[in-house]
Amino acid sequence: MSLKISTSLLEHIHSFGEAAYPEEGAGLLLGSTDGDKKQVQALLLLSNSREDGARHNRYLLTPDEYLRGEQEAARLGLDVLGVFHSHPDHPNRPSEFDREWAMPWFSYIITTVQEGTAVGSRSWLLDDDRQAFTEEKIVVTIESQAD
């Protein structure tokens, strides 16, 4: 499995994580799937609905936000491919909390934000048995003028 994303969309994820710092920022990845390849084509930036005291190490996307994501994806002729979120001053690996709330068919891009600066992103897929994540290769593409 691989996840293709443009430089500009990945930079947008990074700037969103930086803006949310020192809290976690999150949103949905919208795009298309072709076999075992996913292509992110749009982002839906969402607010962190977690209670104030927990936003520094947890995010919450509500059912209404997922519905909004499905509706926006349908409007664009796309699918919801997964979730992106930031880990303030923490590695870009899934936490146990992330595993408990993840869905096996979604891609999860996690961006490390160290002292307010995004320093790297990795993508993860939850195994079908829901016990662990497997890293998914991110393929960063450069947009042409026609994109």
Foldseek 3Di string as FASTA:
>chain_A
DAEEEAPVVVVVLQLQCLVQPLFKWKWWFKFADDPPYTYGDDIGGDGFPDDPVCRNADGDDDPVRVVVVQVVNVVVVIHTQAMEMEHEVDDQADDPVCLVPDDQRHKYWYFYQYPSGTDDIWIWGQDPVSPGIDTHHYHYDHDDPVD
